[in-house]
């Protein structure tokens, strides 16, 4: 969505991460609590699966998200394969049309409106 709105590659990643961070973290926390509760069951197999899934969810909402953001940053426009977003092409988004932007790399600044992930990101 952000790429189609004309933001650069890195700006799109940062904004998407900021927009979804709280929702993903809360949902993952709820999953970890509910799956962790199964560890108090009497079946050893259930306890093992519960431990495995709880660890996987906790990894996903902490380190996994950070690793994905870094990978998205360094894979460049290949992150959006098979869809290719080219400069100067009008792409419809809902009723409005936006001009797709091109990432020129370098310094990225994220506006600090009090509700974002942070004031500045340098890559």
N, C-alpha and C. Protein backbone atom coordinates (compact mmCIF):
# COMPACT_ATOMS: atom_id res chain seq x y z
N UNK A 1 0.81 -1.19 0.00
CA UNK A 1 0.00 0.00 0.00
C UNK A 1 0.86 1.26 0.00
N UNK A 2 1.89 1.25 0.84
CA UNK A 2 2.74 2.43 0.91
C UNK A 2 3.57 2.61 -0.36
N UNK A 3 4.01 1.51 -0.95
CA UNK A 3 4.75 1.61 -2.20
C UNK A 3 3.87 2.17 -3.31
N UNK A 4 2.62 1.71 -3.34
CA UNK A 4 1.70 2.19 -4.35
C UNK A 4 1.34 3.66 -4.13
N UNK A 5 1.46 4.11 -2.89
CA UNK A 5 1.15 5.51 -2.57
C UNK A 5 2.30 6.44 -2.90
N UNK A 6 3.41 5.89 -3.40
CA UNK A 6 4.52 6.72 -3.83
C UNK A 6 5.69 6.77 -2.86
N UNK A 7 5.61 6.05 -1.75
CA UNK A 7 6.73 6.03 -0.81
C UNK A 7 7.82 5.11 -1.35
N UNK A 8 9.04 5.35 -0.91
CA UNK A 8 10.16 4.52 -1.32
C UNK A 8 10.13 3.16 -0.65
N UNK A 9 11.04 2.31 -1.05
CA UNK A 9 11.10 0.94 -0.56
C UNK A 9 11.27 0.89 0.96
N UNK A 10 12.26 1.59 1.48
CA UNK A 10 12.54 1.55 2.91
C UNK A 10 11.43 2.24 3.70
N UNK A 11 10.94 3.35 3.20
CA UNK A 11 9.83 4.04 3.88
C UNK A 11 8.60 3.13 3.97
N UNK A 12 8.33 2.36 2.93
CA UNK A 12 7.19 1.45 2.92
C UNK A 12 7.34 0.36 3.96
N UNK A 13 8.54 -0.17 4.08
CA UNK A 13 8.80 -1.22 5.06
C UNK A 13 8.64 -0.69 6.48
N UNK A 14 9.24 0.46 6.76
CA UNK A 14 9.16 1.05 8.10
C UNK A 14 7.71 1.37 8.46
N UNK A 15 6.98 1.97 7.53
CA UNK A 15 5.60 2.33 7.82
C UNK A 15 4.73 1.09 8.02
N UNK A 16 4.93 0.06 7.21
CA UNK A 16 4.18 -1.18 7.38
C UNK A 16 4.47 -1.85 8.70
N UNK A 17 5.74 -1.84 9.10
CA UNK A 17 6.13 -2.40 10.39
C UNK A 17 5.48 -1.63 11.53
N UNK A 18 5.51 -0.30 11.45
CA UNK A 18 4.91 0.53 12.49
C UNK A 18 3.40 0.35 12.57
N UNK A 19 2.75 0.25 11.42
CA UNK A 19 1.30 0.12 11.39
C UNK A 19 0.82 -1.21 11.98
N UNK A 20 1.60 -2.27 11.80
CA UNK A 20 1.14 -3.59 12.22
C UNK A 20 1.78 -4.09 13.50
N UNK A 21 2.74 -3.36 14.06
CA UNK A 21 3.51 -3.86 15.21
C UNK A 21 2.63 -4.17 16.41
N UNK A 22 1.75 -3.26 16.79
CA UNK A 22 0.96 -3.49 17.99
C UNK A 22 -0.04 -4.63 17.80
N UNK A 23 -0.67 -4.70 16.64
CA UNK A 23 -1.65 -5.75 16.39
C UNK A 23 -1.00 -7.13 16.40
N UNK A 24 0.13 -7.25 15.71
CA UNK A 24 0.82 -8.54 15.64
C UNK A 24 1.34 -8.94 17.02
N UNK A 25 1.88 -7.99 17.77
CA UNK A 25 2.43 -8.30 19.09
C UNK A 25 1.34 -8.74 20.07
N UNK A 26 0.21 -8.06 20.07
CA UNK A 26 -0.89 -8.44 20.97
C UNK A 26 -1.45 -9.80 20.58
N UNK A 27 -1.66 -10.03 19.29
CA UNK A 27 -2.18 -11.33 18.85
C UNK A 27 -1.20 -12.45 19.19
N UNK A 28 0.09 -12.21 19.00
CA UNK A 28 1.08 -13.21 19.36
C UNK A 28 1.14 -13.47 20.85
N UNK A 29 0.99 -12.41 21.64
CA UNK A 29 0.97 -12.57 23.09
C UNK A 29 -0.21 -13.41 23.55
N UNK A 30 -1.37 -13.16 22.96
CA UNK A 30 -2.56 -13.94 23.31
C UNK A 30 -2.36 -15.40 22.92
N UNK A 31 -1.78 -15.63 21.73
CA UNK A 31 -1.51 -17.02 21.31
C UNK A 31 -0.54 -17.70 22.25
N UNK A 32 0.53 -16.98 22.66
CA UNK A 32 1.53 -17.56 23.55
C UNK A 32 0.92 -17.92 24.90
N UNK A 33 0.05 -17.06 25.41
CA UNK A 33 -0.60 -17.35 26.70
C UNK A 33 -1.52 -18.56 26.58
N UNK A 34 -2.32 -18.59 25.52
CA UNK A 34 -3.25 -19.72 25.38
C UNK A 34 -2.52 -21.03 25.10
N UNK A 35 -1.49 -21.00 24.27
CA UNK A 35 -0.74 -22.22 24.01
C UNK A 35 0.10 -22.63 25.22
N UNK A 36 0.60 -21.63 25.95
CA UNK A 36 1.38 -21.93 27.15
C UNK A 36 0.55 -22.59 28.23
N UNK A 37 -0.72 -22.27 28.26
CA UNK A 37 -1.61 -22.90 29.23
C UNK A 37 -1.74 -24.39 29.04
N UNK A 38 -1.53 -24.85 27.83
CA UNK A 38 -1.61 -26.29 27.56
C UNK A 38 -0.45 -27.06 28.20
N UNK A 39 0.60 -26.36 28.61
CA UNK A 39 1.73 -27.03 29.25
C UNK A 39 1.36 -27.61 30.62
N UNK A 40 0.26 -27.14 31.18
CA UNK A 40 -0.19 -27.65 32.48
C UNK A 40 -1.08 -28.88 32.34
N UNK A 41 -1.21 -29.39 31.14
CA UNK A 41 -1.99 -30.61 30.91
C UNK A 41 -1.26 -31.84 31.43
N UNK A 42 -1.94 -32.97 31.40
CA UNK A 42 -1.36 -34.20 31.95
C UNK A 42 -0.64 -35.03 30.89
N UNK A 43 -0.85 -34.73 29.62
CA UNK A 43 -0.23 -35.51 28.55
C UNK A 43 1.14 -34.96 28.21
N UNK A 44 2.18 -35.80 28.25
CA UNK A 44 3.53 -35.33 27.90
C UNK A 44 3.63 -34.84 26.45
N UNK A 45 2.89 -35.49 25.54
CA UNK A 45 2.92 -35.06 24.14
C UNK A 45 2.31 -33.66 24.01
N UNK A 46 1.22 -33.41 24.72
CA UNK A 46 0.58 -32.09 24.70
C UNK A 46 1.50 -31.04 25.30
N UNK A 47 2.21 -31.38 26.35
CA UNK A 47 3.15 -30.46 26.98
C UNK A 47 4.29 -30.10 26.02
N UNK A 48 4.79 -31.10 25.31
CA UNK A 48 5.88 -30.85 24.37
C UNK A 48 5.41 -29.96 23.21
N UNK A 49 4.26 -30.25 22.65
CA UNK A 49 3.74 -29.43 21.54
C UNK A 49 3.45 -28.01 22.02
N UNK A 50 2.93 -27.90 23.22
CA UNK A 50 2.64 -26.59 23.78
C UNK A 50 3.92 -25.78 23.94
N UNK A 51 4.96 -26.41 24.46
CA UNK A 51 6.24 -25.71 24.63
C UNK A 51 6.80 -25.27 23.28
N UNK A 52 6.77 -26.17 22.31
CA UNK A 52 7.29 -25.89 20.98
C UNK A 52 6.55 -24.72 20.33
N UNK A 53 5.22 -24.77 20.34
CA UNK A 53 4.43 -23.73 19.70
C UNK A 53 4.54 -22.39 20.43
N UNK A 54 4.60 -22.42 21.76
CA UNK A 54 4.75 -21.19 22.53
C UNK A 54 6.09 -20.53 22.21
N UNK A 55 7.15 -21.31 22.16
CA UNK A 55 8.47 -20.76 21.81
C UNK A 55 8.48 -20.21 20.39
N UNK A 56 7.83 -20.91 19.47
CA UNK A 56 7.78 -20.44 18.08
C UNK A 56 7.05 -19.12 17.96
N UNK A 57 5.93 -18.98 18.66
CA UNK A 57 5.17 -17.72 18.62
C UNK A 57 5.98 -16.59 19.24
N UNK A 58 6.61 -16.84 20.39
CA UNK A 58 7.42 -15.80 21.03
C UNK A 58 8.60 -15.39 20.16
N UNK A 59 9.21 -16.35 19.49
CA UNK A 59 10.30 -16.03 18.55
C UNK A 59 9.77 -15.17 17.41
N UNK A 60 8.61 -15.53 16.88
CA UNK A 60 8.04 -14.82 15.74
C UNK A 60 7.73 -13.37 16.08
N UNK A 61 7.18 -13.09 17.26
CA UNK A 61 6.79 -11.71 17.58
C UNK A 61 7.96 -10.89 18.09
N UNK A 62 9.11 -11.49 18.32
CA UNK A 62 10.27 -10.71 18.77
C UNK A 62 11.35 -10.71 17.68
N UNK A 63 12.15 -11.72 17.65
CA UNK A 63 13.28 -11.77 16.71
C UNK A 63 12.84 -11.97 15.26
N UNK A 64 11.81 -12.76 15.06
CA UNK A 64 11.35 -13.06 13.70
C UNK A 64 10.94 -11.82 12.93
N UNK A 65 10.20 -10.92 13.58
CA UNK A 65 9.78 -9.68 12.92
C UNK A 65 10.98 -8.81 12.57
N UNK A 66 11.94 -8.72 13.46
CA UNK A 66 13.12 -7.90 13.19
C UNK A 66 13.93 -8.47 12.03
N UNK A 67 14.07 -9.78 11.98
CA UNK A 67 14.82 -10.42 10.90
C UNK A 67 14.12 -10.19 9.56
N UNK A 68 12.79 -10.30 9.54
CA UNK A 68 12.05 -10.08 8.30
C UNK A 68 12.20 -8.65 7.80
N UNK A 69 12.21 -7.68 8.70
CA UNK A 69 12.37 -6.29 8.29
C UNK A 69 13.75 -6.08 7.67
N UNK A 70 14.77 -6.64 8.26
CA UNK A 70 16.13 -6.52 7.71
C UNK A 70 16.21 -7.20 6.35
N UNK A 71 15.64 -8.38 6.22
CA UNK A 71 15.66 -9.08 4.93
C UNK A 71 14.91 -8.30 3.86
N UNK A 72 13.76 -7.73 4.22
CA UNK A 72 13.02 -6.92 3.26
C UNK A 72 13.85 -5.72 2.80
N UNK A 73 14.57 -5.11 3.73
CA UNK A 73 15.38 -3.93 3.39
C UNK A 73 16.46 -4.28 2.37
N UNK A 74 17.12 -5.42 2.56
CA UNK A 74 18.25 -5.74 1.71
C UNK A 74 17.90 -6.53 0.46
N UNK A 75 16.68 -6.99 0.33
CA UNK A 75 16.30 -7.66 -0.91
C UNK A 75 15.77 -6.66 -1.94
N UNK A 76 15.60 -5.43 -1.54
CA UNK A 76 15.20 -4.38 -2.47
C UNK A 76 13.86 -4.63 -3.11
N UNK A 77 13.73 -4.29 -4.37
CA UNK A 77 12.46 -4.43 -5.07
C UNK A 77 12.08 -5.89 -5.32
N UNK A 78 13.03 -6.82 -5.11
CA UNK A 78 12.69 -8.23 -5.24
C UNK A 78 11.75 -8.69 -4.13
N UNK A 79 11.59 -7.88 -3.10
CA UNK A 79 10.67 -8.21 -2.00
C UNK A 79 9.24 -8.30 -2.49
N UNK A 80 8.93 -7.61 -3.57
CA UNK A 80 7.55 -7.52 -4.03
C UNK A 80 7.27 -8.47 -5.19
N UNK A 81 8.17 -9.41 -5.49
CA UNK A 81 7.98 -10.37 -6.55
C UNK A 81 6.73 -11.18 -6.25
N UNK A 82 5.90 -11.55 -7.20
CA UNK A 82 6.03 -11.44 -8.65
C UNK A 82 5.51 -10.12 -9.19
N UNK A 83 5.00 -9.24 -8.35
CA UNK A 83 4.49 -7.97 -8.82
C UNK A 83 5.63 -6.98 -8.94
N UNK A 84 5.74 -6.33 -10.08
CA UNK A 84 6.80 -5.36 -10.31
C UNK A 84 6.19 -3.97 -10.27
N UNK A 85 6.71 -3.12 -9.41
CA UNK A 85 6.24 -1.75 -9.31
C UNK A 85 7.29 -0.87 -9.96
N UNK A 86 6.93 -0.28 -11.09
CA UNK A 86 7.89 0.54 -11.82
C UNK A 86 7.56 2.02 -11.67
N UNK A 87 8.56 2.85 -11.81
CA UNK A 87 8.38 4.30 -11.69
C UNK A 87 7.58 4.81 -12.88
N UNK A 88 6.71 5.78 -12.62
CA UNK A 88 5.97 6.42 -13.69
C UNK A 88 4.73 5.67 -14.13
N UNK A 89 4.45 4.55 -13.52
CA UNK A 89 3.28 3.76 -13.90
C UNK A 89 2.14 4.06 -12.94
N UNK A 90 0.99 4.34 -13.46
CA UNK A 90 -0.16 4.60 -12.61
C UNK A 90 -0.78 3.27 -12.19
N UNK A 91 -0.92 3.08 -10.90
CA UNK A 91 -1.52 1.86 -10.38
C UNK A 91 -2.77 2.21 -9.60
N UNK A 92 -3.90 1.59 -9.92
CA UNK A 92 -5.13 1.92 -9.20
C UNK A 92 -5.12 1.35 -7.79
N UNK A 93 -5.52 2.16 -6.84
CA UNK A 93 -5.67 1.73 -5.46
C UNK A 93 -7.01 2.29 -5.00
N UNK A 94 -8.01 1.44 -4.92
CA UNK A 94 -9.34 1.91 -4.56
C UNK A 94 -9.85 2.85 -5.64
N UNK A 95 -10.39 4.01 -5.23
CA UNK A 95 -10.90 4.99 -6.19
C UNK A 95 -9.82 5.97 -6.63
N UNK A 96 -8.73 6.06 -5.85
CA UNK A 96 -7.67 7.02 -6.16
C UNK A 96 -6.57 6.34 -6.97
N UNK A 97 -5.75 7.16 -7.61
CA UNK A 97 -4.60 6.66 -8.32
C UNK A 97 -3.36 7.32 -7.74
N UNK A 98 -2.33 6.52 -7.51
CA UNK A 98 -1.09 7.03 -6.96
C UNK A 98 0.06 6.76 -7.92
N UNK A 99 1.05 7.60 -7.86
CA UNK A 99 2.26 7.43 -8.65
C UNK A 99 3.25 6.60 -7.85
N UNK A 100 3.73 5.50 -8.41
CA UNK A 100 4.69 4.65 -7.71
C UNK A 100 6.04 5.34 -7.67
N UNK A 101 6.72 5.26 -6.52
CA UNK A 101 8.01 5.90 -6.36
C UNK A 101 9.16 4.94 -6.57
N UNK A 102 10.35 5.49 -6.67
CA UNK A 102 11.56 4.71 -6.82
C UNK A 102 12.44 4.98 -5.63
N UNK A 103 12.96 3.92 -5.02
CA UNK A 103 13.85 4.08 -3.88
C UNK A 103 15.25 4.46 -4.36
N UNK A 104 15.74 5.57 -3.86
CA UNK A 104 17.09 5.99 -4.26
C UNK A 104 18.11 5.63 -3.19
N UNK A 105 17.70 4.93 -2.14
CA UNK A 105 18.62 4.52 -1.08
C UNK A 105 19.04 5.71 -0.25
N UNK A 106 19.93 5.47 0.72
CA UNK A 106 20.45 6.55 1.52
C UNK A 106 19.66 6.78 2.79
N UNK A 107 19.64 8.02 3.23
CA UNK A 107 19.06 8.41 4.50
C UNK A 107 17.53 8.35 4.45
N UNK A 108 16.95 7.77 5.47
CA UNK A 108 15.51 7.66 5.56
C UNK A 108 15.07 8.35 6.83
N UNK A 109 14.09 9.21 6.72
CA UNK A 109 13.58 9.91 7.89
C UNK A 109 12.11 9.60 8.04
N UNK A 110 11.72 9.22 9.25
CA UNK A 110 10.34 8.92 9.55
C UNK A 110 9.82 10.02 10.46
N UNK A 111 8.73 10.66 10.08
CA UNK A 111 8.18 11.74 10.88
C UNK A 111 7.73 11.21 12.23
N UNK A 112 8.05 11.96 13.29
CA UNK A 112 7.64 11.57 14.63
C UNK A 112 6.39 12.32 14.99
N UNK A 113 5.24 11.68 14.78
CA UNK A 113 3.98 12.31 15.10
C UNK A 113 3.45 11.86 16.45
N UNK A 114 4.31 11.24 17.23
CA UNK A 114 3.93 10.79 18.56
C UNK A 114 3.37 9.39 18.57
N UNK A 115 2.96 8.86 17.44
CA UNK A 115 2.37 7.52 17.42
C UNK A 115 3.14 6.54 16.58
N UNK A 116 4.29 6.96 16.06
CA UNK A 116 5.06 6.09 15.17
C UNK A 116 6.02 5.22 15.94
N UNK A 117 6.89 4.54 15.21
CA UNK A 117 7.87 3.67 15.82
C UNK A 117 9.10 4.42 16.30
N UNK A 118 9.33 5.59 15.80
CA UNK A 118 10.50 6.35 16.22
C UNK A 118 10.74 7.51 15.28
N UNK A 119 11.55 8.45 15.70
CA UNK A 119 11.73 9.65 14.88
C UNK A 119 12.57 9.47 13.64
N UNK A 120 13.66 8.68 13.69
CA UNK A 120 14.55 8.59 12.54
C UNK A 120 15.09 7.18 12.39
N UNK A 121 15.20 6.74 11.16
CA UNK A 121 15.82 5.46 10.84
C UNK A 121 16.85 5.72 9.77
N UNK A 122 18.11 5.40 10.06
CA UNK A 122 19.17 5.60 9.08
C UNK A 122 19.61 4.25 8.55
N UNK A 123 19.61 4.11 7.22
CA UNK A 123 20.06 2.86 6.60
C UNK A 123 20.97 3.20 5.45
